[in-house]
C-alpha cells in the first residue's frame, strides 16, 4: 500500500512538472513573445492616449480660467456703445 501511495505521488508530481515546463516553453516561442509584445504595445498606446486626453482637458480648463480672468470672453459692445473718439486739433483736418 505504501509503495502504491509513493508511486501515485511520483506520477502526480511528474505530471505537474512536465505541465509547468511545457507552459514555460510555450511562452518562449517566437509567436508567444510576439503576441506578448503586441499586447504590451497596445496597452502602452492606450495609456498614451489617456494621458493626451487628460492633458487636453487640463489645457482647456486652464484656458477657460485665463479667459475668464482677463475678460477675453466678455460680450462685444453694441454699435451704440462703441462710438469712435472725436479727433480734435491740427491733425484732425489732415485725415
PDB file of N, CA and C in Angstrom:
ATOM      1  N   UNK A   1       0.819  -1.190   0.000  1.00  0.00           N
ATOM      2  CA  UNK A   1       0.000   0.000   0.000  1.00  0.00           C
ATOM      3  C   UNK A   1       0.867   1.261   0.000  1.00  0.00           C
ATOM      4  N   UNK A   2       1.948   1.169   0.777  1.00  0.00           N
ATOM      5  CA  UNK A   2       2.842   2.300   0.872  1.00  0.00           C
ATOM      6  C   UNK A   2       3.512   2.569  -0.486  1.00  0.00           C
ATOM      7  N   UNK A   3       3.904   1.555  -1.162  1.00  0.00           N
ATOM      8  CA  UNK A   3       4.544   1.721  -2.465  1.00  0.00           C
ATOM      9  C   UNK A   3       3.570   2.310  -3.489  1.00  0.00           C
ATOM     10  N   UNK A   4       2.337   1.933  -3.413  1.00  0.00           N
ATOM     11  CA  UNK A   4       1.314   2.463  -4.315  1.00  0.00           C
ATOM     12  C   UNK A   4       1.101   3.959  -4.078  1.00  0.00           C
ATOM     13  N   UNK A   5       1.116   4.361  -2.817  1.00  0.00           N
ATOM     14  CA  UNK A   5       0.979   5.792  -2.486  1.00  0.00           C
ATOM     15  C   UNK A   5       2.126   6.595  -3.086  1.00  0.00           C
ATOM     16  N   UNK A   6       3.363   6.112  -2.901  1.00  0.00           N
ATOM     17  CA  UNK A   6       4.517   6.849  -3.401  1.00  0.00           C
ATOM     18  C   UNK A   6       4.572   6.815  -4.924  1.00  0.00           C
ATOM     19  N   UNK A   7       4.112   5.773  -5.508  1.00  0.00           N
ATOM     20  CA  UNK A   7       4.049   5.709  -6.977  1.00  0.00           C
ATOM     21  C   UNK A   7       3.057   6.748  -7.505  1.00  0.00           C
ATOM     22  N   UNK A   8       1.887   6.843  -6.892  1.00  0.00           N
ATOM     23  CA  UNK A   8       0.886   7.834  -7.304  1.00  0.00           C
ATOM     24  C   UNK A   8       1.401   9.254  -7.073  1.00  0.00           C
ATOM     25  N   UNK A   9       2.098   9.460  -5.949  1.00  0.00           N
ATOM     26  CA  UNK A   9       2.668  10.778  -5.646  1.00  0.00           C
ATOM     27  C   UNK A   9       3.713  11.163  -6.693  1.00  0.00           C
ATOM     28  N   UNK A  10       4.565  10.230  -7.067  1.00  0.00           N
ATOM     29  CA  UNK A  10       5.593  10.488  -8.071  1.00  0.00           C
ATOM     30  C   UNK A  10       4.990  10.814  -9.434  1.00  0.00           C
ATOM     31  N   UNK A  11       3.973  10.059  -9.807  1.00  0.00           N
ATOM     32  CA  UNK A  11       3.312  10.306 -11.097  1.00  0.00           C
ATOM     33  C   UNK A  11       2.660  11.685 -11.104  1.00  0.00           C
ATOM     34  N   UNK A  12       2.001  12.051 -10.001  1.00  0.00           N
ATOM     35  CA  UNK A  12       1.330  13.355  -9.915  1.00  0.00           C
ATOM     36  C   UNK A  12       2.345  14.492  -9.990  1.00  0.00           C
ATOM     37  N   UNK A  13       3.414  14.400  -9.219  1.00  0.00           N
ATOM     38  CA  UNK A  13       4.446  15.449  -9.226  1.00  0.00           C
ATOM     39  C   UNK A  13       5.107  15.523 -10.596  1.00  0.00           C
ATOM     40  N   UNK A  14       5.380  14.370 -11.188  1.00  0.00           N
ATOM     41  CA  UNK A  14       5.987  14.352 -12.525  1.00  0.00           C
ATOM     42  C   UNK A  14       5.083  15.010 -13.556  1.00  0.00           C
ATOM     43  N   UNK A  15       3.794  14.735 -13.498  1.00  0.00           N
ATOM     44  CA  UNK A  15       2.855  15.341 -14.452  1.00  0.00           C
ATOM     45  C   UNK A  15       2.799  16.859 -14.267  1.00  0.00           C
ATOM     46  N   UNK A  16       2.797  17.314 -13.015  1.00  0.00           N
ATOM     47  CA  UNK A  16       2.770  18.758 -12.760  1.00  0.00           C
ATOM     48  C   UNK A  16       4.038  19.452 -13.256  1.00  0.00           C
ATOM     49  N   UNK A  17       5.178  18.818 -13.057  1.00  0.00           N
ATOM     50  CA  UNK A  17       6.449  19.398 -13.519  1.00  0.00           C
ATOM     51  C   UNK A  17       6.471  19.468 -15.044  1.00  0.00           C
ATOM     52  N   UNK A  18       6.058  18.397 -15.697  1.00  0.00           N
ATOM     53  CA  UNK A  18       6.035  18.391 -17.162  1.00  0.00           C
ATOM     54  C   UNK A  18       5.079  19.469 -17.678  1.00  0.00           C
ATOM     55  N   UNK A  19       3.946  19.602 -17.036  1.00  0.00           N
ATOM     56  CA  UNK A  19       2.964  20.613 -17.459  1.00  0.00           C
ATOM     57  C   UNK A  19       3.524  22.031 -17.316  1.00  0.00           C
ATOM     58  N   UNK A  20       4.164  22.311 -16.187  1.00  0.00           N
ATOM     59  CA  UNK A  20       4.749  23.640 -15.972  1.00  0.00           C
ATOM     60  C   UNK A  20       5.870  23.917 -16.966  1.00  0.00           C
ATOM     61  N   UNK A  21       6.694  22.928 -17.226  1.00  0.00           N
ATOM     62  CA  UNK A  21       7.787  23.113 -18.185  1.00  0.00           C
ATOM     63  C   UNK A  21       7.254  23.348 -19.598  1.00  0.00           C
ATOM     64  N   UNK A  22       6.217  22.649 -19.977  1.00  0.00           N
ATOM     65  CA  UNK A  22       5.660  22.852 -21.318  1.00  0.00           C
ATOM     66  C   UNK A  22       5.013  24.238 -21.429  1.00  0.00           C
ATOM     67  N   UNK A  23       4.390  24.706 -20.356  1.00  0.00           N
ATOM     68  CA  UNK A  23       3.829  26.068 -20.378  1.00  0.00           C
ATOM     69  C   UNK A  23       4.940  27.102 -20.506  1.00  0.00           C
ATOM     70  N   UNK A  24       6.046  26.909 -19.797  1.00  0.00           N
ATOM     71  CA  UNK A  24       7.171  27.833 -19.888  1.00  0.00           C
ATOM     72  C   UNK A  24       7.776  27.804 -21.291  1.00  0.00           C
ATOM     73  N   UNK A  25       7.875  26.620 -21.884  1.00  0.00           N
ATOM     74  CA  UNK A  25       8.410  26.505 -23.239  1.00  0.00           C
ATOM     75  C   UNK A  25       7.484  27.187 -24.251  1.00  0.00           C
ATOM     76  N   UNK A  26       6.171  27.086 -24.044  1.00  0.00           N
ATOM     77  CA  UNK A  26       5.220  27.754 -24.938  1.00  0.00           C
ATOM     78  C   UNK A  26       5.346  29.270 -24.862  1.00  0.00           C
ATOM     79  N   UNK A  27       5.657  29.776 -23.682  1.00  0.00           N
ATOM     80  CA  UNK A  27       5.808  31.231 -23.520  1.00  0.00           C
ATOM     81  C   UNK A  27       7.061  31.755 -24.213  1.00  0.00           C
ATOM     82  N   UNK A  28       8.032  30.882 -24.438  1.00  0.00           N
ATOM     83  CA  UNK A  28       9.288  31.308 -25.045  1.00  0.00           C
ATOM     84  C   UNK A  28       9.313  31.132 -26.555  1.00  0.00           C
ATOM     85  N   UNK A  29       8.225  30.719 -27.164  1.00  0.00           N
ATOM     86  CA  UNK A  29       8.188  30.584 -28.617  1.00  0.00           C
ATOM     87  C   UNK A  29       8.096  31.975 -29.245  1.00  0.00           C
ATOM     88  N   UNK A  30       8.574  32.145 -30.454  1.00  0.00           N
ATOM     89  CA  UNK A  30       8.513  33.458 -31.100  1.00  0.00           C
ATOM     90  C   UNK A  30       7.086  33.997 -31.251  1.00  0.00           C
ATOM     91  N   UNK A  31       6.131  33.114 -31.532  1.00  0.00           N
ATOM     92  CA  UNK A  31       4.749  33.568 -31.691  1.00  0.00           C
ATOM     93  C   UNK A  31       4.201  34.108 -30.377  1.00  0.00           C
ATOM     94  N   UNK A  32       4.494  33.410 -29.294  1.00  0.00           N
ATOM     95  CA  UNK A  32       4.012  33.842 -27.986  1.00  0.00           C
ATOM     96  C   UNK A  32       4.671  35.149 -27.569  1.00  0.00           C
ATOM     97  N   UNK A  33       5.962  35.261 -27.825  1.00  0.00           N
ATOM     98  CA  UNK A  33       6.666  36.501 -27.476  1.00  0.00           C
ATOM     99  C   UNK A  33       6.148  37.669 -28.306  1.00  0.00           C
ATOM    100  N   UNK A  34       5.851  37.431 -29.567  1.00  0.00           N
ATOM    101  CA  UNK A  34       5.302  38.488 -30.416  1.00  0.00           C
ATOM    102  C   UNK A  34       3.915  38.902 -29.932  1.00  0.00           C
ATOM    103  N   UNK A  35       3.121  37.940 -29.520  1.00  0.00           N
ATOM    104  CA  UNK A  35       1.784  38.262 -29.007  1.00  0.00           C
ATOM    105  C   UNK A  35       1.888  39.073 -27.716  1.00  0.00           C
ATOM    106  N   UNK A  36       2.802  38.688 -26.830  1.00  0.00           N
ATOM    107  CA  UNK A  36       3.002  39.438 -25.592  1.00  0.00           C
ATOM    108  C   UNK A  36       3.478  40.857 -25.879  1.00  0.00           C
ATOM    109  N   UNK A  37       4.379  41.001 -26.842  1.00  0.00           N
ATOM    110  CA  UNK A  37       4.874  42.321 -27.219  1.00  0.00           C
ATOM    111  C   UNK A  37       3.751  43.170 -27.811  1.00  0.00           C
ATOM    112  N   UNK A  38       2.939  42.572 -28.646  1.00  0.00           N
ATOM    113  CA  UNK A  38       1.818  43.304 -29.248  1.00  0.00           C
ATOM    114  C   UNK A  38       0.832  43.753 -28.176  1.00  0.00           C
ATOM    115  N   UNK A  39       0.549  42.889 -27.203  1.00  0.00           N
ATOM    116  CA  UNK A  39      -0.349  43.274 -26.111  1.00  0.00           C
ATOM    117  C   UNK A  39       0.245  44.420 -25.301  1.00  0.00           C
ATOM    118  N   UNK A  40       1.531  44.357 -25.036  1.00  0.00           N
ATOM    119  CA  UNK A  40       2.188  45.431 -24.285  1.00  0.00           C
ATOM    120  C   UNK A  40       2.151  46.744 -25.034  1.00  0.00           C
ATOM    121  N   UNK A  41       2.393  46.710 -26.335  1.00  0.00           N
ATOM    122  CA  UNK A  41       2.341  47.937 -27.138  1.00  0.00           C
ATOM    123  C   UNK A  41       0.930  48.498 -27.203  1.00  0.00           C
ATOM    124  N   UNK A  42      -0.060  47.624 -27.274  1.00  0.00           N
ATOM    125  CA  UNK A  42      -1.454  48.069 -27.284  1.00  0.00           C
ATOM    126  C   UNK A  42      -1.804  48.780 -25.976  1.00  0.00           C
ATOM    127  N   UNK A  43      -1.359  48.211 -24.856  1.00  0.00           N
ATOM    128  CA  UNK A  43      -1.604  48.835 -23.554  1.00  0.00           C
ATOM    129  C   UNK A  43      -0.875  50.172 -23.437  1.00  0.00           C
ATOM    130  N   UNK A  44       0.349  50.239 -23.961  1.00  0.00           N
ATOM    131  CA  UNK A  44       1.110  51.485 -23.933  1.00  0.00           C
ATOM    132  C   UNK A  44       0.427  52.559 -24.763  1.00  0.00           C
ATOM    133  N   UNK A  45      -0.062  52.201 -25.934  1.00  0.00           N
ATOM    134  CA  UNK A  45      -0.758  53.163 -26.789  1.00  0.00           C
ATOM    135  C   UNK A  45      -2.023  53.682 -26.108  1.00  0.00           C
ATOM    136  N   UNK A  46      -2.737  52.800 -25.436  1.00  0.00           N
ATOM    137  CA  UNK A  46      -3.940  53.233 -24.717  1.00  0.00           C
ATOM    138  C   UNK A  46      -3.582  54.187 -23.579  1.00  0.00           C
ATOM    139  N   UNK A  47      -2.495  53.905 -22.868  1.00  0.00           N
ATOM    140  CA  UNK A  47      -2.070  54.771 -21.771  1.00  0.00           C
ATOM    141  C   UNK A  47      -1.644  56.136 -22.295  1.00  0.00           C
ATOM    142  N   UNK A  48      -0.948  56.161 -23.415  1.00  0.00           N
ATOM    143  CA  UNK A  48      -0.530  57.438 -24.011  1.00  0.00           C
ATOM    144  C   UNK A  48      -1.750  58.222 -24.475  1.00  0.00           C
ATOM    145  N   UNK A  49      -2.725  57.546 -25.044  1.00  0.00           N
ATOM    146  CA  UNK A  49      -3.956  58.224 -25.464  1.00  0.00           C
ATOM    147  C   UNK A  49      -4.710  58.809 -24.285  1.00  0.00           C
ATOM    148  N   UNK A  50      -4.785  58.059 -23.198  1.00  0.00           N
ATOM    149  CA  UNK A  50      -5.447  58.574 -21.983  1.00  0.00           C
ATOM    150  C   UNK A  50      -4.704  59.783 -21.436  1.00  0.00           C
ATOM    151  N   UNK A  51      -3.376  59.715 -21.431  1.00  0.00           N
ATOM    152  CA  UNK A  51      -2.580  60.836 -20.947  1.00  0.00           C
ATOM    153  C   UNK A  51      -2.809  62.074 -21.808  1.00  0.00           C
ATOM    154  N   UNK A  52      -2.835  61.896 -23.121  1.00  0.00           N
ATOM    155  CA  UNK A  52      -3.082  63.025 -24.030  1.00  0.00           C
ATOM    156  C   UNK A  52      -4.449  63.636 -23.806  1.00  0.00           C
ATOM    157  N   UNK A  53      -5.447  62.803 -23.570  1.00  0.00           N
ATOM    158  CA  UNK A  53      -6.798  63.320 -23.307  1.00  0.00           C
ATOM    159  C   UNK A  53      -6.830  64.119 -22.009  1.00  0.00           C
ATOM    160  N   UNK A  54      -6.128  63.644 -20.992  1.00  0.00           N
ATOM    161  CA  UNK A  54      -6.084  64.373 -19.728  1.00  0.00           C
ATOM    162  C   UNK A  54      -5.358  65.705 -19.882  1.00  0.00           C
ATOM    163  N   UNK A  55      -4.284  65.712 -20.667  1.00  0.00           N
ATOM    164  CA  UNK A  55      -3.544  66.958 -20.904  1.00  0.00           C
ATOM    165  C   UNK A  55      -4.428  67.954 -21.644  1.00  0.00           C
ATOM    166  N   UNK A  56      -5.150  67.493 -22.671  1.00  0.00           N
ATOM    167  CA  UNK A  56      -6.023  68.402 -23.422  1.00  0.00           C
ATOM    168  C   UNK A  56      -7.142  68.953 -22.540  1.00  0.00           C
ATOM    169  N   UNK A  57      -7.688  68.110 -21.672  1.00  0.00           N
ATOM    170  CA  UNK A  57      -8.741  68.576 -20.760  1.00  0.00           C
ATOM    171  C   UNK A  57      -8.182  69.615 -19.796  1.00  0.00           C
ATOM    172  N   UNK A  58      -6.985  69.388 -19.287  1.00  0.00           N
ATOM    173  CA  UNK A  58      -6.351  70.359 -18.395  1.00  0.00           C
ATOM    174  C   UNK A  58      -6.043  71.663 -19.101  1.00  0.00           C
ATOM    175  N   UNK A  59      -5.610  71.581 -20.352  1.00  0.00           N
ATOM    176  CA  UNK A  59      -5.324  72.798 -21.119  1.00  0.00           C
ATOM    177  C   UNK A  59      -6.606  73.589 -21.359  1.00  0.00           C
ATOM    178  N   UNK A  60      -7.688  72.913 -21.692  1.00  0.00           N
ATOM    179  CA  UNK A  60      -8.958  73.604 -21.933  1.00  0.00           C
ATOM    180  C   UNK A  60      -9.455  74.267 -20.653  1.00  0.00           C
ATOM    181  N   UNK A  61      -9.294  73.585 -19.530  1.00  0.00           N
ATOM    182  CA  UNK A  61      -9.726  74.157 -18.255  1.00  0.00           C
ATOM    183  C   UNK A  61      -8.893  75.390 -17.911  1.00  0.00           C
ATOM    184  N   UNK A  62      -7.581  75.292 -18.099  1.00  0.00           N
ATOM    185  CA  UNK A  62      -6.703  76.436 -17.801  1.00  0.00           C
ATOM    186  C   UNK A  62      -6.985  77.597 -18.744  1.00  0.00           C
ATOM    187  N   UNK A  63      -7.239  77.316 -20.018  1.00  0.00           N
ATOM    188  CA  UNK A  63      -7.558  78.378 -20.963  1.00  0.00           C
ATOM    189  C   UNK A  63      -8.850  79.084 -20.562  1.00  0.00           C
ATOM    190  N   UNK A  64      -9.837  78.319 -20.104  1.00  0.00           N
ATOM    191  CA  UNK A  64     -11.091  78.926 -19.650  1.00  0.00           C
ATOM    192  C   UNK A  64     -10.842  79.822 -18.437  1.00  0.00           C
ATOM    193  N   UNK A  65      -9.982  79.364 -17.520  1.00  0.00           N
ATOM    194  CA  UNK A  65      -9.645  80.197 -16.351  1.00  0.00           C
ATOM    195  C   UNK A  65      -8.957  81.489 -16.786  1.00  0.00           C
ATOM    196  N   UNK A  66      -8.027  81.387 -17.717  1.00  0.00           N
ATOM    197  CA  UNK A  66      -7.308  82.577 -18.182  1.00  0.00           C
ATOM    198  C   UNK A  66      -8.246  83.540 -18.916  1.00  0.00           C
ATOM    199  N   UNK A  67      -9.119  82.987 -19.748  1.00  0.00           N
ATOM    200  CA  UNK A  67     -10.058  83.848 -20.472  1.00  0.00           C
ATOM    201  C   UNK A  67     -11.005  84.553 -19.502  1.00  0.00           C
ATOM    202  N   UNK A  68     -11.467  83.840 -18.486  1.00  0.00           N
ATOM    203  CA  UNK A  68     -12.359  84.458 -17.504  1.00  0.00           C
ATOM    204  C   UNK A  68     -11.611  85.526 -16.708  1.00  0.00           C
ATOM    205  N   UNK A  69     -10.352  85.275 -16.395  1.00  0.00           N
ATOM    206  CA  UNK A  69      -9.560  86.218 -15.621  1.00  0.00           C
ATOM    207  C   UNK A  69      -9.205  87.478 -16.389  1.00  0.00           C
ATOM    208  N   UNK A  70      -9.015  87.362 -17.694  1.00  0.00           N
ATOM    209  CA  UNK A  70      -8.624  88.528 -18.498  1.00  0.00           C
ATOM    210  C   UNK A  70      -9.811  89.207 -19.163  1.00  0.00           C
ATOM    211  N   UNK A  71     -10.968  88.586 -19.136  1.00  0.00           N
ATOM    212  CA  UNK A  71     -12.146  89.188 -19.744  1.00  0.00           C
ATOM    213  C   UNK A  71     -12.212  89.003 -21.249  1.00  0.00           C
ATOM    214  N   UNK A  72     -11.495  88.045 -21.787  1.00  0.00           N
ATOM    215  CA  UNK A  72     -11.497  87.826 -23.241  1.00  0.00           C
ATOM    216  C   UNK A  72     -12.834  87.290 -23.742  1.00  0.00           C
ATOM    217  N   UNK A  73     -13.606  86.675 -22.885  1.00  0.00           N
ATOM    218  CA  UNK A  73     -14.892  86.130 -23.300  1.00  0.00           C
ATOM    219  C   UNK A  73     -16.046  87.085 -23.043  1.00  0.00           C
ATOM    220  N   UNK A  74     -15.741  88.325 -22.667  1.00  0.00           N
ATOM    221  CA  UNK A  74     -16.802  89.300 -22.410  1.00  0.00           C
ATOM    222  C   UNK A  74     -17.508  89.620 -23.728  1.00  0.00           C
ATOM    223  N   UNK A  75     -18.810  89.899 -23.691  1.00  0.00           N
ATOM    224  CA  UNK A  75     -19.523  90.222 -24.930  1.00  0.00           C
ATOM    225  C   UNK A  75     -19.031  91.546 -25.518  1.00  0.00           C
ATOM    226  N   UNK A  76     -19.057  91.626 -26.824  1.00  0.00           N
ATOM    227  CA  UNK A  76     -18.632  92.844 -27.512  1.00  0.00           C
ATOM    228  C   UNK A  76     -19.712  93.920 -27.358  1.00  0.00           C
ATOM    229  N   UNK A  77     -19.305  95.187 -27.281  1.00  0.00           N
ATOM    230  CA  UNK A  77     -20.299  96.258 -27.130  1.00  0.00           C
ATOM    231  C   UNK A  77     -21.108  96.454 -28.421  1.00  0.00           C
ATOM    232  N   UNK A  78     -22.329  97.004 -28.271  1.00  0.00           N
ATOM    233  CA  UNK A  78     -23.172  97.327 -29.431  1.00  0.00           C
ATOM    234  C   UNK A  78     -22.549  98.491 -30.187  1.00  0.00           C
ATOM    235  N   UNK A  79     -23.100  98.741 -31.380  1.00  0.00           N
ATOM    236  CA  UNK A  79     -22.625  99.897 -32.145  1.00  0.00           C
ATOM    237  C   UNK A  79     -22.933 101.199 -31.401  1.00  0.00           C
ATOM    238  N   UNK A  80     -24.039 101.234 -30.687  1.00  0.00           N
ATOM    239  CA  UNK A  80     -24.395 102.456 -29.958  1.00  0.00           C
ATOM    240  C   UNK A  80     -23.411 102.706 -28.818  1.00  0.00           C
ATOM    241  N   UNK A  81     -22.852 101.665 -28.257  1.00  0.00           N
ATOM    242  CA  UNK A  81     -21.904 101.827 -27.162  1.00  0.00           C
ATOM    243  C   UNK A  81     -20.489 102.040 -27.669  1.00  0.00           C
ATOM    244  N   UNK A  82     -20.198 101.622 -28.875  1.00  0.00           N
ATOM    245  CA  UNK A  82     -18.844 101.704 -29.414  1.00  0.00           C
ATOM    246  C   UNK A  82     -18.698 102.914 -30.314  1.00  0.00           C
ATOM    247  N   UNK A  83     -18.760 104.094 -29.759  1.00  0.00           N
ATOM    248  CA  UNK A  83     -18.587 105.317 -30.540  1.00  0.00           C
ATOM    249  C   UNK A  83     -17.102 105.595 -30.705  1.00  0.00           C
ATOM    250  N   UNK A  84     -16.724 106.020 -31.894  1.00  0.00           N
ATOM    251  CA  UNK A  84     -15.331 106.351 -32.151  1.00  0.00           C
ATOM    252  C   UNK A  84     -14.996 107.676 -31.485  1.00  0.00           C
ATOM    253  N   UNK A  85     -13.802 107.816 -30.989  1.00  0.00           N
ATOM    254  CA  UNK A  85     -13.431 109.083 -30.361  1.00  0.00           C
ATOM    255  C   UNK A  85     -13.364 110.200 -31.407  1.00  0.00           C
ATOM    256  N   UNK A  86     -13.726 111.378 -31.010  1.00  0.00           N
ATOM    257  CA  UNK A  86     -13.690 112.549 -31.903  1.00  0.00           C
ATOM    258  C   UNK A  86     -12.284 113.130 -31.863  1.00  0.00           C
ATOM    259  N   UNK A  87     -11.710 113.325 -33.046  1.00  0.00           N
ATOM    260  CA  UNK A  87     -10.346 113.852 -33.127  1.00  0.00           C
ATOM    261  C   UNK A  87     -10.418 115.359 -33.242  1.00  0.00           C
ATOM    262  N   UNK A  88      -9.672 116.006 -32.451  1.00  0.00           N
ATOM    263  CA  UNK A  88      -9.615 117.487 -32.481  1.00  0.00           C
ATOM    264  C   UNK A  88      -8.168 117.905 -32.586  1.00  0.00           C
ATOM    265  N   UNK A  89      -7.969 119.026 -33.119  1.00  0.00           N
ATOM    266  CA  UNK A  89      -6.623 119.566 -33.204  1.00  0.00           C
ATOM    267  C   UNK A  89      -6.196 119.725 -34.639  1.00  0.00           C
ATOM    268  N   UNK A  90      -4.926 120.023 -34.832  1.00  0.00           N
ATOM    269  CA  UNK A  90      -4.393 120.336 -36.151  1.00  0.00           C
ATOM    270  C   UNK A  90      -4.332 119.108 -37.024  1.00  0.00           C
ATOM    271  N   UNK A  91      -4.124 117.996 -36.487  1.00  0.00           N
ATOM    272  CA  UNK A  91      -4.004 116.758 -37.292  1.00  0.00           C
ATOM    273  C   UNK A  91      -5.362 116.211 -37.691  1.00  0.00           C
ATOM    274  N   UNK A  92      -6.414 116.653 -37.082  1.00  0.00           N
ATOM    275  CA  UNK A  92      -7.742 116.141 -37.406  1.00  0.00           C
ATOM    276  C   UNK A  92      -8.168 116.550 -38.791  1.00  0.00           C
ATOM    277  N   UNK A  93      -7.744 117.710 -39.273  1.00  0.00           N
ATOM    278  CA  UNK A  93      -8.132 118.184 -40.590  1.00  0.00           C
ATOM    279  C   UNK A  93      -7.387 117.451 -41.683  1.00  0.00           C
ATOM    280  N   UNK A  94      -6.224 116.900 -41.392  1.00  0.00           N
ATOM    281  CA  UNK A  94      -5.430 116.199 -42.396  1.00  0.00           C
ATOM    282  C   UNK A  94      -6.074 114.892 -42.836  1.00  0.00           C
ATOM    283  N   UNK A  95      -6.812 114.296 -42.012  1.00  0.00           N
ATOM    284  CA  UNK A  95      -7.345 112.993 -42.371  1.00  0.00           C
ATOM    285  C   UNK A  95      -8.677 113.045 -42.985  1.00  0.00           C
TER     286      UNK A  95
END
